[in-house]
């Protein structure tokens, strides 16, 4: 008898009007504080607030954080390369949308 492995995918829907504090984003994304600070420094995340204690992230920061960490881990990229890849992926999405219109 063949050994079959079941693959599961995790999907989380977060509405854009939801916001996260720094610790909530870290908890929800699995990132540590330094990783999120580095993503902010690289421009991959744009929080509101003057300091990390006051930072608020919009709902789209959660999938952005997860995607950035996954790219860095899986492709062994530094954050500058992750930023470039994410820009290119966003451009591909925009072009696909234009083609469908």
N, C-alpha and C. Protein backbone atom coordinates (compact mmCIF):
# COMPACT_ATOMS: atom_id res chain seq x y z
N UNK A 1 0.84 -1.16 0.00
CA UNK A 1 0.00 0.00 0.00
C UNK A 1 0.90 1.24 0.00
N UNK A 2 0.55 2.23 -0.82
CA UNK A 2 1.35 3.44 -0.93
C UNK A 2 1.14 4.35 0.28
N UNK A 3 2.20 5.02 0.66
CA UNK A 3 2.13 5.98 1.76
C UNK A 3 1.78 7.34 1.19
N UNK A 4 0.59 7.84 1.50
CA UNK A 4 0.15 9.12 0.99
C UNK A 4 0.31 10.18 2.06
N UNK A 5 0.87 11.31 1.66
CA UNK A 5 1.06 12.42 2.57
C UNK A 5 0.04 13.50 2.24
N UNK A 6 -0.60 14.02 3.24
CA UNK A 6 -1.58 15.08 3.05
C UNK A 6 -0.90 16.42 3.22
N UNK A 7 -1.09 17.29 2.23
CA UNK A 7 -0.56 18.64 2.32
C UNK A 7 -1.65 19.57 2.79
N UNK A 8 -1.31 20.45 3.70
CA UNK A 8 -2.29 21.42 4.18
C UNK A 8 -1.77 22.81 3.92
N UNK A 9 -2.69 23.71 3.68
CA UNK A 9 -2.33 25.11 3.48
C UNK A 9 -3.07 25.94 4.52
N UNK A 10 -2.39 26.95 5.01
CA UNK A 10 -3.00 27.83 6.00
C UNK A 10 -3.38 29.13 5.32
N UNK A 11 -4.62 29.53 5.47
CA UNK A 11 -5.08 30.78 4.90
C UNK A 11 -5.65 31.63 6.02
N UNK A 12 -5.25 32.88 6.03
CA UNK A 12 -5.73 33.81 7.03
C UNK A 12 -6.17 35.07 6.32
N UNK A 13 -7.42 35.44 6.50
CA UNK A 13 -7.94 36.65 5.89
C UNK A 13 -7.92 37.75 6.93
N UNK A 14 -7.27 38.85 6.59
CA UNK A 14 -7.20 39.99 7.49
C UNK A 14 -7.70 41.20 6.72
N UNK A 15 -8.68 41.86 7.26
CA UNK A 15 -9.23 43.03 6.59
C UNK A 15 -8.28 44.21 6.73
N UNK A 16 -8.28 45.07 5.71
CA UNK A 16 -7.35 46.18 5.69
C UNK A 16 -7.56 47.17 6.82
N UNK A 17 -8.80 47.29 7.32
CA UNK A 17 -9.05 48.28 8.37
C UNK A 17 -8.59 47.80 9.75
N UNK A 18 -8.16 46.55 9.85
CA UNK A 18 -7.61 46.03 11.09
C UNK A 18 -6.19 46.57 11.24
N UNK A 19 -5.80 46.88 12.45
CA UNK A 19 -4.43 47.32 12.66
C UNK A 19 -3.78 46.51 13.78
N UNK A 20 -2.46 46.45 13.72
CA UNK A 20 -1.68 45.68 14.67
C UNK A 20 -0.67 46.60 15.35
N UNK A 21 -0.41 46.34 16.61
CA UNK A 21 0.75 46.92 17.27
C UNK A 21 1.95 46.05 16.94
N UNK A 22 3.12 46.48 17.34
CA UNK A 22 4.35 45.74 17.04
C UNK A 22 4.31 44.33 17.60
N UNK A 23 3.95 44.17 18.86
CA UNK A 23 3.95 42.83 19.46
C UNK A 23 2.88 41.94 18.84
N UNK A 24 1.72 42.51 18.49
CA UNK A 24 0.65 41.73 17.86
C UNK A 24 1.07 41.25 16.47
N UNK A 25 1.75 42.12 15.72
CA UNK A 25 2.24 41.71 14.40
C UNK A 25 3.28 40.61 14.53
N UNK A 26 4.17 40.75 15.49
CA UNK A 26 5.18 39.71 15.73
C UNK A 26 4.51 38.38 16.07
N UNK A 27 3.55 38.42 16.95
CA UNK A 27 2.86 37.19 17.35
C UNK A 27 2.11 36.56 16.17
N UNK A 28 1.37 37.36 15.41
CA UNK A 28 0.57 36.85 14.31
C UNK A 28 1.42 36.33 13.16
N UNK A 29 2.57 36.95 12.93
CA UNK A 29 3.41 36.58 11.78
C UNK A 29 4.49 35.56 12.12
N UNK A 30 4.78 35.40 13.40
CA UNK A 30 5.86 34.51 13.80
C UNK A 30 7.23 35.17 13.73
N UNK A 31 7.26 36.47 13.51
CA UNK A 31 8.51 37.22 13.44
C UNK A 31 8.93 37.66 14.84
N UNK A 32 10.21 37.91 15.01
CA UNK A 32 10.64 38.51 16.28
C UNK A 32 10.75 40.03 16.08
N UNK A 33 10.94 40.75 17.17
CA UNK A 33 10.99 42.21 17.12
C UNK A 33 12.06 42.73 16.16
N UNK A 34 13.22 42.13 16.19
CA UNK A 34 14.32 42.59 15.33
C UNK A 34 14.01 42.37 13.86
N UNK A 35 13.33 41.28 13.53
CA UNK A 35 12.96 41.04 12.13
C UNK A 35 11.99 42.12 11.64
N UNK A 36 11.00 42.44 12.45
CA UNK A 36 10.03 43.46 12.05
C UNK A 36 10.72 44.82 11.95
N UNK A 37 11.57 45.14 12.90
CA UNK A 37 12.31 46.41 12.83
C UNK A 37 13.15 46.48 11.56
N UNK A 38 13.77 45.37 11.19
CA UNK A 38 14.57 45.33 9.96
C UNK A 38 13.69 45.52 8.72
N UNK A 39 12.50 44.92 8.73
CA UNK A 39 11.57 45.09 7.60
C UNK A 39 11.13 46.55 7.48
N UNK A 40 10.93 47.20 8.61
CA UNK A 40 10.57 48.62 8.60
C UNK A 40 11.75 49.44 8.08
N UNK A 41 12.94 49.15 8.55
CA UNK A 41 14.13 49.89 8.12
C UNK A 41 14.37 49.74 6.62
N UNK A 42 14.05 48.58 6.07
CA UNK A 42 14.23 48.33 4.64
C UNK A 42 13.11 48.93 3.81
N UNK A 43 12.04 49.38 4.48
CA UNK A 43 10.92 49.98 3.76
C UNK A 43 9.86 48.99 3.32
N UNK A 44 9.98 47.74 3.76
CA UNK A 44 9.00 46.73 3.40
C UNK A 44 7.70 46.88 4.18
N UNK A 45 7.77 47.47 5.35
CA UNK A 45 6.59 47.76 6.17
C UNK A 45 6.61 49.25 6.50
N UNK A 46 5.44 49.86 6.49
CA UNK A 46 5.34 51.29 6.79
C UNK A 46 4.36 51.51 7.94
N UNK A 47 4.86 51.46 9.17
CA UNK A 47 3.98 51.69 10.31
C UNK A 47 3.67 53.17 10.49
N UNK A 48 2.58 53.43 11.17
CA UNK A 48 2.32 54.79 11.64
C UNK A 48 2.83 54.85 13.07
N UNK A 49 3.13 56.03 13.54
CA UNK A 49 3.65 56.20 14.90
C UNK A 49 5.10 56.61 14.87
N UNK A 50 5.50 57.32 15.90
CA UNK A 50 6.84 57.91 15.95
C UNK A 50 7.92 56.92 16.37
N UNK A 51 7.59 55.97 17.20
CA UNK A 51 8.60 55.04 17.72
C UNK A 51 8.01 53.63 17.73
N UNK A 52 8.87 52.62 17.86
CA UNK A 52 8.36 51.25 17.88
C UNK A 52 7.25 51.02 18.91
N UNK A 53 7.30 51.70 20.02
CA UNK A 53 6.25 51.54 21.03
C UNK A 53 4.90 52.07 20.54
N UNK A 54 4.93 53.01 19.60
CA UNK A 54 3.72 53.61 19.07
C UNK A 54 3.32 53.07 17.69
N UNK A 55 4.13 52.21 17.11
CA UNK A 55 3.87 51.74 15.75
C UNK A 55 2.52 51.03 15.66
N UNK A 56 1.82 51.32 14.58
CA UNK A 56 0.59 50.61 14.21
C UNK A 56 0.76 50.18 12.76
N UNK A 57 0.42 48.94 12.48
CA UNK A 57 0.54 48.38 11.14
C UNK A 57 -0.84 48.06 10.61
N UNK A 58 -1.07 48.34 9.34
CA UNK A 58 -2.36 48.03 8.72
C UNK A 58 -2.48 46.52 8.52
N UNK A 59 -3.69 46.07 8.21
CA UNK A 59 -3.94 44.64 8.05
C UNK A 59 -3.09 43.99 6.98
N UNK A 60 -2.71 44.74 5.93
CA UNK A 60 -1.90 44.12 4.88
C UNK A 60 -0.45 43.90 5.31
N UNK A 61 -0.06 44.42 6.47
CA UNK A 61 1.30 44.19 6.96
C UNK A 61 1.53 42.73 7.35
N UNK A 62 0.46 42.04 7.76
CA UNK A 62 0.61 40.64 8.16
C UNK A 62 1.02 39.76 6.99
N UNK A 63 0.29 39.75 5.87
CA UNK A 63 0.76 38.92 4.76
C UNK A 63 2.09 39.41 4.18
N UNK A 64 2.34 40.72 4.21
CA UNK A 64 3.62 41.24 3.74
C UNK A 64 4.77 40.71 4.59
N UNK A 65 4.58 40.72 5.90
CA UNK A 65 5.61 40.23 6.81
C UNK A 65 5.86 38.75 6.59
N UNK A 66 4.79 37.98 6.51
CA UNK A 66 4.95 36.53 6.29
C UNK A 66 5.65 36.24 4.98
N UNK A 67 5.26 36.96 3.92
CA UNK A 67 5.86 36.74 2.61
C UNK A 67 7.34 37.10 2.63
N UNK A 68 7.67 38.23 3.23
CA UNK A 68 9.07 38.66 3.29
C UNK A 68 9.93 37.65 4.06
N UNK A 69 9.43 37.19 5.19
CA UNK A 69 10.19 36.21 5.97
C UNK A 69 10.34 34.89 5.23
N UNK A 70 9.28 34.49 4.54
CA UNK A 70 9.32 33.24 3.77
C UNK A 70 10.33 33.34 2.62
N UNK A 71 10.34 34.47 1.90
CA UNK A 71 11.31 34.66 0.83
C UNK A 71 12.74 34.65 1.37
N UNK A 72 12.96 35.36 2.46
CA UNK A 72 14.30 35.40 3.06
C UNK A 72 14.76 34.01 3.48
N UNK A 73 13.86 33.27 4.09
CA UNK A 73 14.21 31.93 4.57
C UNK A 73 14.37 30.94 3.42
N UNK A 74 13.36 30.84 2.56
CA UNK A 74 13.37 29.80 1.53
C UNK A 74 14.40 30.03 0.44
N UNK A 75 14.61 31.30 0.07
CA UNK A 75 15.55 31.61 -1.00
C UNK A 75 16.89 32.12 -0.48
N UNK A 76 17.02 32.19 0.85
CA UNK A 76 18.25 32.65 1.50
C UNK A 76 18.66 34.03 0.97
N UNK A 77 17.69 34.96 0.99
CA UNK A 77 17.91 36.32 0.50
C UNK A 77 18.11 37.28 1.66
N UNK A 78 18.91 38.31 1.42
CA UNK A 78 18.98 39.39 2.39
C UNK A 78 17.77 40.31 2.17
N UNK A 79 17.55 41.26 3.08
CA UNK A 79 16.34 42.06 3.00
C UNK A 79 16.30 42.98 1.78
N UNK A 80 17.45 43.42 1.28
CA UNK A 80 17.45 44.23 0.06
C UNK A 80 16.94 43.40 -1.12
N UNK A 81 17.36 42.16 -1.20
CA UNK A 81 16.89 41.27 -2.27
C UNK A 81 15.42 40.93 -2.08
N UNK A 82 14.99 40.73 -0.85
CA UNK A 82 13.58 40.47 -0.57
C UNK A 82 12.73 41.65 -1.03
N UNK A 83 13.20 42.86 -0.76
CA UNK A 83 12.49 44.06 -1.18
C UNK A 83 12.34 44.11 -2.70
N UNK A 84 13.40 43.80 -3.42
CA UNK A 84 13.36 43.77 -4.87
C UNK A 84 12.38 42.71 -5.38
N UNK A 85 12.45 41.52 -4.83
CA UNK A 85 11.56 40.44 -5.24
C UNK A 85 10.11 40.82 -4.99
N UNK A 86 9.84 41.41 -3.83
CA UNK A 86 8.45 41.78 -3.51
C UNK A 86 7.96 42.88 -4.44
N UNK A 87 8.83 43.82 -4.82
CA UNK A 87 8.45 44.84 -5.81
C UNK A 87 8.12 44.20 -7.14
N UNK A 88 8.93 43.24 -7.56
CA UNK A 88 8.69 42.56 -8.84
C UNK A 88 7.40 41.74 -8.80
N UNK A 89 7.14 41.07 -7.69
CA UNK A 89 5.89 40.31 -7.56
C UNK A 89 4.68 41.23 -7.59
N UNK A 90 4.78 42.40 -6.97
CA UNK A 90 3.68 43.37 -7.00
C UNK A 90 3.45 43.87 -8.42
N UNK A 91 4.53 44.09 -9.16
CA UNK A 91 4.41 44.55 -10.55
C UNK A 91 3.77 43.47 -11.42
N UNK A 92 4.12 42.22 -11.20
CA UNK A 92 3.50 41.11 -11.92
C UNK A 92 2.00 41.09 -11.64
N UNK A 93 1.61 41.26 -10.37
CA UNK A 93 0.19 41.29 -10.01
C UNK A 93 -0.53 42.43 -10.72
N UNK A 94 0.10 43.62 -10.77
CA UNK A 94 -0.51 44.77 -11.45
C UNK A 94 -0.68 44.48 -12.95
N UNK A 95 0.33 43.89 -13.57
CA UNK A 95 0.24 43.59 -14.98
C UNK A 95 -0.84 42.53 -15.26
N UNK A 96 -0.93 41.54 -14.42
CA UNK A 96 -1.98 40.52 -14.58
C UNK A 96 -3.36 41.14 -14.48
N UNK A 97 -3.52 42.07 -13.53
CA UNK A 97 -4.81 42.76 -13.37
C UNK A 97 -5.14 43.56 -14.62
N UNK A 98 -4.16 44.23 -15.19
CA UNK A 98 -4.39 45.01 -16.41
C UNK A 98 -4.78 44.10 -17.57
N UNK A 99 -4.15 42.94 -17.65
CA UNK A 99 -4.48 42.00 -18.72
C UNK A 99 -5.91 41.47 -18.60
N UNK A 100 -6.38 41.28 -17.38
CA UNK A 100 -7.72 40.76 -17.15
C UNK A 100 -8.79 41.81 -17.36
N UNK A 101 -8.41 43.08 -17.32
CA UNK A 101 -9.39 44.17 -17.50
C UNK A 101 -9.78 44.35 -18.95
